[in-house]
N, C-alpha and C. Protein backbone atom coordinates (compact mmCIF):
# COMPACT_ATOMS: atom_id res chain seq x y z
N MET A 1 -58.83 48.85 22.80
CA MET A 1 -59.19 50.40 23.63
C MET A 1 -59.64 50.00 25.37
N LYS A 2 -60.10 48.65 25.38
CA LYS A 2 -60.69 48.87 26.77
C LYS A 2 -59.22 48.66 27.64
N LYS A 3 -57.93 47.85 27.17
CA LYS A 3 -57.01 48.07 27.82
C LYS A 3 -56.35 49.10 28.19
N ILE A 4 -56.54 50.09 27.26
CA ILE A 4 -55.68 51.06 27.73
C ILE A 4 -56.60 52.53 28.23
N MET A 5 -58.08 52.19 28.39
CA MET A 5 -58.83 53.08 29.22
C MET A 5 -58.28 53.70 30.79
N PRO A 6 -57.70 52.30 31.41
CA PRO A 6 -57.66 52.58 32.84
C PRO A 6 -56.43 53.59 32.92
N VAL A 7 -55.21 53.13 32.11
CA VAL A 7 -54.09 53.82 31.86
C VAL A 7 -54.40 55.57 31.61
N LEU A 8 -55.20 55.77 30.72
CA LEU A 8 -55.93 57.09 30.27
C LEU A 8 -56.36 57.38 31.18
N GLY A 9 -57.13 57.19 32.13
CA GLY A 9 -57.99 57.72 33.45
C GLY A 9 -56.88 58.17 34.05
N ALA A 10 -56.09 57.08 34.68
CA ALA A 10 -55.04 57.57 35.71
C ALA A 10 -54.26 58.65 34.98
N ILE A 11 -53.87 58.60 33.73
CA ILE A 11 -53.13 59.71 33.35
C ILE A 11 -53.67 61.11 33.52
N PHE A 12 -55.09 61.30 33.19
CA PHE A 12 -55.89 62.49 32.94
C PHE A 12 -56.10 62.97 34.50
N THR A 13 -56.35 61.92 35.15
CA THR A 13 -56.49 62.49 36.98
C THR A 13 -55.43 63.03 37.26
N LEU A 14 -54.30 62.33 36.92
CA LEU A 14 -52.83 62.84 37.65
C LEU A 14 -52.86 64.30 36.99
N MET A 15 -53.13 64.41 35.88
CA MET A 15 -52.92 65.66 34.93
C MET A 15 -53.90 66.70 35.80
N SER A 16 -55.09 66.41 35.76
CA SER A 16 -55.92 67.56 36.59
C SER A 16 -55.86 67.81 37.62
N ILE A 17 -55.03 66.65 38.60
CA ILE A 17 -54.61 67.18 40.33
C ILE A 17 -53.83 68.47 39.66
N VAL A 18 -52.68 68.07 39.05
CA VAL A 18 -51.65 69.09 38.91
C VAL A 18 -52.12 70.20 38.30
N PHE A 19 -52.82 70.43 37.35
CA PHE A 19 -53.86 71.39 36.75
C PHE A 19 -54.46 72.41 37.99
N THR A 20 -54.96 71.34 38.77
CA THR A 20 -55.73 72.20 39.80
C THR A 20 -54.74 72.92 40.74
N ARG A 21 -53.85 72.23 41.21
CA ARG A 21 -52.76 73.07 42.00
C ARG A 21 -52.20 74.41 41.58
N TYR A 22 -52.39 73.91 40.15
CA TYR A 22 -51.45 75.45 39.58
C TYR A 22 -52.23 76.45 39.45
N ILE A 23 -53.63 76.36 39.16
CA ILE A 23 -54.41 77.42 38.99
C ILE A 23 -54.83 77.79 40.78
N VAL A 24 -54.96 76.82 41.36
CA VAL A 24 -55.25 77.28 43.04
C VAL A 24 -54.17 78.33 43.35
N SER A 25 -52.85 77.63 43.04
CA SER A 25 -51.51 78.56 43.81
C SER A 25 -51.51 79.78 43.00
N LYS A 26 -52.02 79.92 41.66
CA LYS A 26 -51.59 81.50 41.29
C LYS A 26 -53.03 82.28 41.38
N TYR A 27 -54.45 81.84 41.45
CA TYR A 27 -55.50 82.53 41.48
C TYR A 27 -56.20 82.49 42.96
N GLY A 28 -55.81 81.51 43.87
CA GLY A 28 -56.22 81.74 45.01
C GLY A 28 -57.39 80.31 44.99
N GLU A 29 -58.31 80.46 46.49
CA GLU A 29 -59.00 79.08 46.53
C GLU A 29 -60.16 79.44 45.88
N ASN A 30 -60.71 80.40 45.61
CA ASN A 30 -61.98 80.64 44.39
C ASN A 30 -61.75 80.24 42.88
N SER A 31 -60.69 80.00 42.93
CA SER A 31 -60.53 79.19 41.50
C SER A 31 -61.07 77.77 41.14
N ARG A 32 -61.22 77.36 42.40
CA ARG A 32 -61.94 75.99 42.37
C ARG A 32 -62.98 76.11 42.03
N ILE A 33 -64.25 77.29 42.29
CA ILE A 33 -65.25 77.37 41.64
C ILE A 33 -65.80 77.19 40.44
N ILE A 34 -64.47 77.99 39.69
CA ILE A 34 -64.23 78.22 38.42
C ILE A 34 -63.83 77.02 37.45
N ILE A 35 -63.02 75.82 38.38
CA ILE A 35 -62.77 74.78 37.63
C ILE A 35 -63.88 73.79 37.94
N MET A 36 -64.49 73.86 38.67
CA MET A 36 -65.94 72.61 38.80
C MET A 36 -66.86 73.17 37.62
N ALA A 37 -67.04 74.40 37.64
CA ALA A 37 -68.22 75.46 36.79
C ALA A 37 -67.75 74.80 35.30
N VAL A 38 -66.31 74.91 35.07
CA VAL A 38 -65.95 74.62 33.67
C VAL A 38 -66.23 73.12 33.66
N ALA A 39 -66.06 72.29 34.67
CA ALA A 39 -66.26 70.87 34.25
C ALA A 39 -67.62 70.52 34.06
N VAL A 40 -68.75 71.05 34.97
CA VAL A 40 -69.87 70.75 34.74
C VAL A 40 -70.41 71.17 33.47
N GLY A 41 -70.03 72.50 32.75
CA GLY A 41 -69.99 72.84 31.36
C GLY A 41 -69.83 71.97 30.73
N ILE A 42 -68.51 71.43 30.42
CA ILE A 42 -68.38 70.54 29.67
C ILE A 42 -68.73 69.19 29.63
N SER A 43 -69.43 68.81 30.89
CA SER A 43 -70.22 67.63 31.17
C SER A 43 -71.48 68.01 30.40
N ILE A 44 -72.08 68.78 30.73
CA ILE A 44 -73.32 69.16 29.89
C ILE A 44 -73.39 69.42 28.71
N ILE A 45 -72.26 69.72 28.12
CA ILE A 45 -72.41 69.88 26.64
C ILE A 45 -72.10 68.69 26.14
N GLY A 46 -71.19 67.55 26.64
CA GLY A 46 -71.47 66.11 26.20
C GLY A 46 -72.71 65.35 26.45
N PHE A 47 -73.27 65.48 27.48
CA PHE A 47 -74.49 65.02 27.51
C PHE A 47 -75.27 65.26 26.54
N ILE A 48 -75.45 66.74 26.17
CA ILE A 48 -76.69 67.08 25.36
C ILE A 48 -76.16 66.61 23.88
N GLY A 49 -74.32 66.42 23.41
CA GLY A 49 -74.17 65.44 22.49
C GLY A 49 -74.62 64.16 22.60
N ILE A 50 -74.75 63.57 23.50
CA ILE A 50 -75.00 62.07 23.63
C ILE A 50 -76.76 61.95 23.48
N ILE A 51 -77.44 62.98 24.09
CA ILE A 51 -78.97 62.76 23.81
C ILE A 51 -79.27 63.13 22.24
N LEU A 52 -78.58 64.05 21.73
CA LEU A 52 -78.70 64.75 20.14
C LEU A 52 -78.05 63.17 19.41
N SER A 53 -77.16 62.36 19.70
CA SER A 53 -76.96 61.16 19.01
C SER A 53 -78.02 59.96 19.07
N LYS A 54 -78.72 60.24 20.20
CA LYS A 54 -79.97 59.39 20.33
C LYS A 54 -79.33 58.12 20.74
N LYS A 55 -78.57 58.24 21.95
CA LYS A 55 -77.76 56.94 22.83
C LYS A 55 -78.59 57.41 23.97
N TYR A 56 -79.78 56.97 24.19
CA TYR A 56 -80.64 57.54 25.69
C TYR A 56 -79.71 56.62 26.75
N LEU A 57 -79.41 55.17 26.45
CA LEU A 57 -78.91 54.21 27.63
C LEU A 57 -77.90 55.11 27.97
N ALA A 58 -76.88 55.63 27.33
CA ALA A 58 -75.56 56.22 27.79
C ALA A 58 -75.76 57.70 28.27
N ALA A 59 -76.97 58.21 27.76
CA ALA A 59 -77.32 59.40 28.67
C ALA A 59 -77.70 59.15 29.79
N LEU A 60 -78.53 58.09 30.28
CA LEU A 60 -78.47 57.51 31.46
C LEU A 60 -77.49 57.49 32.34
N TRP A 61 -76.50 56.74 32.02
CA TRP A 61 -75.29 56.68 32.75
C TRP A 61 -74.57 57.84 33.00
N VAL A 62 -74.32 58.81 32.06
CA VAL A 62 -73.64 60.09 32.16
C VAL A 62 -74.59 61.06 33.11
N SER A 63 -75.94 60.75 33.20
CA SER A 63 -76.68 61.60 34.02
C SER A 63 -76.19 61.20 35.43
N LEU A 64 -76.21 59.72 35.59
CA LEU A 64 -75.78 59.13 37.04
C LEU A 64 -74.41 59.92 37.54
N ILE A 65 -73.60 60.23 36.86
CA ILE A 65 -72.21 60.83 37.10
C ILE A 65 -72.58 62.54 37.27
N LEU A 66 -73.44 62.94 36.20
CA LEU A 66 -73.61 64.42 36.33
C LEU A 66 -74.26 65.06 37.52
N ILE A 67 -75.33 64.48 37.67
CA ILE A 67 -75.94 64.90 38.82
C ILE A 67 -75.11 65.33 40.09
N PRO A 68 -74.31 63.99 40.64
CA PRO A 68 -73.42 64.22 41.64
C PRO A 68 -72.43 65.34 41.54
N LEU A 69 -71.77 65.60 40.34
CA LEU A 69 -70.84 66.80 39.91
C LEU A 69 -71.53 68.08 40.15
N VAL A 70 -72.80 68.25 39.81
CA VAL A 70 -73.68 69.37 39.92
C VAL A 70 -73.79 69.71 41.37
N VAL A 71 -74.29 68.64 41.90
CA VAL A 71 -74.13 68.91 43.51
C VAL A 71 -72.79 69.31 44.44
N MET A 72 -72.13 68.40 43.90
CA MET A 72 -70.50 69.01 44.44
C MET A 72 -70.35 70.67 44.12
N THR A 73 -70.68 70.82 42.75
CA THR A 73 -70.36 72.21 42.70
C THR A 73 -71.11 73.06 43.24
N ILE A 74 -72.45 72.82 43.32
CA ILE A 74 -72.99 73.95 44.40
C ILE A 74 -72.65 73.81 45.67
N GLY A 75 -72.08 72.76 46.24
CA GLY A 75 -71.43 72.64 47.46
C GLY A 75 -70.05 73.38 47.41
N ILE A 76 -69.42 73.33 46.80
CA ILE A 76 -68.15 74.19 46.67
C ILE A 76 -68.62 75.71 46.30
N TYR A 77 -69.56 76.29 45.90
CA TYR A 77 -69.98 77.40 45.42
C TYR A 77 -70.62 77.90 46.92
N LEU A 78 -71.44 77.27 47.30
CA LEU A 78 -71.77 77.67 48.81
C LEU A 78 -70.89 77.41 49.84
N ASP A 79 -69.51 77.23 49.62
CA ASP A 79 -68.76 76.73 50.74
C ASP A 79 -69.48 75.94 52.02
N ASN A 80 -69.82 74.87 51.60
CA ASN A 80 -70.70 74.02 52.48
C ASN A 80 -70.30 72.72 52.27
N ILE A 81 -69.61 72.35 53.29
CA ILE A 81 -69.13 71.09 53.06
C ILE A 81 -69.70 69.55 52.82
N TYR A 82 -71.15 69.86 53.68
CA TYR A 82 -71.96 68.53 53.83
C TYR A 82 -72.58 68.71 52.39
N ILE A 83 -72.84 69.67 51.76
CA ILE A 83 -73.31 69.42 50.36
C ILE A 83 -72.55 68.77 49.40
N PHE A 84 -71.25 69.12 49.65
CA PHE A 84 -70.04 68.66 48.95
C PHE A 84 -69.62 67.23 49.18
N TYR A 85 -70.03 66.55 50.29
CA TYR A 85 -70.00 65.64 50.71
C TYR A 85 -71.14 64.66 50.17
N ARG A 86 -72.27 65.03 49.95
CA ARG A 86 -73.74 64.44 49.35
C ARG A 86 -73.08 64.12 48.10
N GLY A 87 -72.59 64.98 47.46
CA GLY A 87 -72.32 64.53 45.89
C GLY A 87 -71.45 63.40 45.95
N PHE A 88 -70.37 63.25 46.87
CA PHE A 88 -69.67 61.99 46.78
C PHE A 88 -70.44 60.80 47.20
N ILE A 89 -71.52 61.04 48.38
CA ILE A 89 -72.11 59.77 48.70
C ILE A 89 -73.07 59.34 47.43
N ILE A 90 -73.70 60.35 46.83
CA ILE A 90 -74.21 59.87 45.37
C ILE A 90 -73.54 59.29 44.51
N ILE A 91 -72.26 59.51 43.99
CA ILE A 91 -71.41 58.81 43.60
C ILE A 91 -71.17 57.33 44.12
N TYR A 92 -70.89 56.99 45.05
CA TYR A 92 -70.71 55.82 45.88
C TYR A 92 -71.89 55.01 45.52
N PHE A 93 -73.17 55.40 45.85
CA PHE A 93 -74.30 54.70 45.53
C PHE A 93 -74.44 54.06 44.15
N ASN A 94 -74.18 55.43 43.33
CA ASN A 94 -74.23 54.68 42.00
C ASN A 94 -73.35 53.99 41.35
N THR A 95 -72.04 53.93 41.98
CA THR A 95 -71.22 52.71 41.68
C THR A 95 -71.42 51.39 42.27
N TYR A 96 -71.84 51.61 43.76
CA TYR A 96 -72.18 50.56 44.16
C TYR A 96 -73.56 49.78 43.68
N ASN A 97 -74.37 50.30 43.25
CA ASN A 97 -75.84 49.69 42.59
C ASN A 97 -75.04 49.22 41.46
N ASP A 98 -74.37 49.56 40.50
CA ASP A 98 -74.02 49.33 39.20
C ASP A 98 -73.09 48.15 39.40
N LYS A 99 -72.55 47.69 40.45
CA LYS A 99 -71.60 46.48 40.83
C LYS A 99 -72.46 45.66 41.14
N ASN A 100 -73.38 45.91 41.96
CA ASN A 100 -74.52 45.04 42.16
C ASN A 100 -75.28 44.37 41.16
N ASN A 101 -75.53 45.30 40.11
CA ASN A 101 -76.27 45.00 39.24
C ASN A 101 -75.88 44.18 37.92
N LYS A 102 -74.66 44.25 38.02
CA LYS A 102 -73.52 43.40 37.09
C LYS A 102 -73.53 42.16 37.85
N ASN A 103 -73.44 41.99 39.07
CA ASN A 103 -73.20 40.58 39.50
C ASN A 103 -74.43 39.79 39.39
N LYS A 104 -75.56 40.62 39.36
CA LYS A 104 -76.99 39.52 39.36
C LYS A 104 -77.26 39.13 37.96
N ARG A 105 -76.65 40.24 36.98
CA ARG A 105 -76.69 39.84 35.72
C ARG A 105 -76.00 38.95 35.10
N ILE A 106 -74.60 38.32 35.83
CA ILE A 106 -74.07 37.49 35.65
C ILE A 106 -74.31 35.94 36.02
N ASN A 107 -74.83 36.50 37.19
CA ASN A 107 -75.22 34.83 38.20
C ASN A 107 -76.52 34.63 37.42
């Protein structure tokens, strides 16, 4: 399963880019807000499911990705590029800290 995950991630990323371009071309720029709101809603439902299954460590990791997604959605809704980029910066710091922690645990 671990060997297939990067391929699935790439496939779903490309599919989401094509889907987003199709929806935006059909409904206009405001449809990006709807797409992000649906993504946040699905993520929150998944987050609640993880908490109900009592996998608290997994819920912690999901919250590290969910928080920047919410910040980016608010940035798109308010049409504020600075708030949107802060969400990207939060994602960068989350992944950077995770890589540093993994290196410290191995050594």
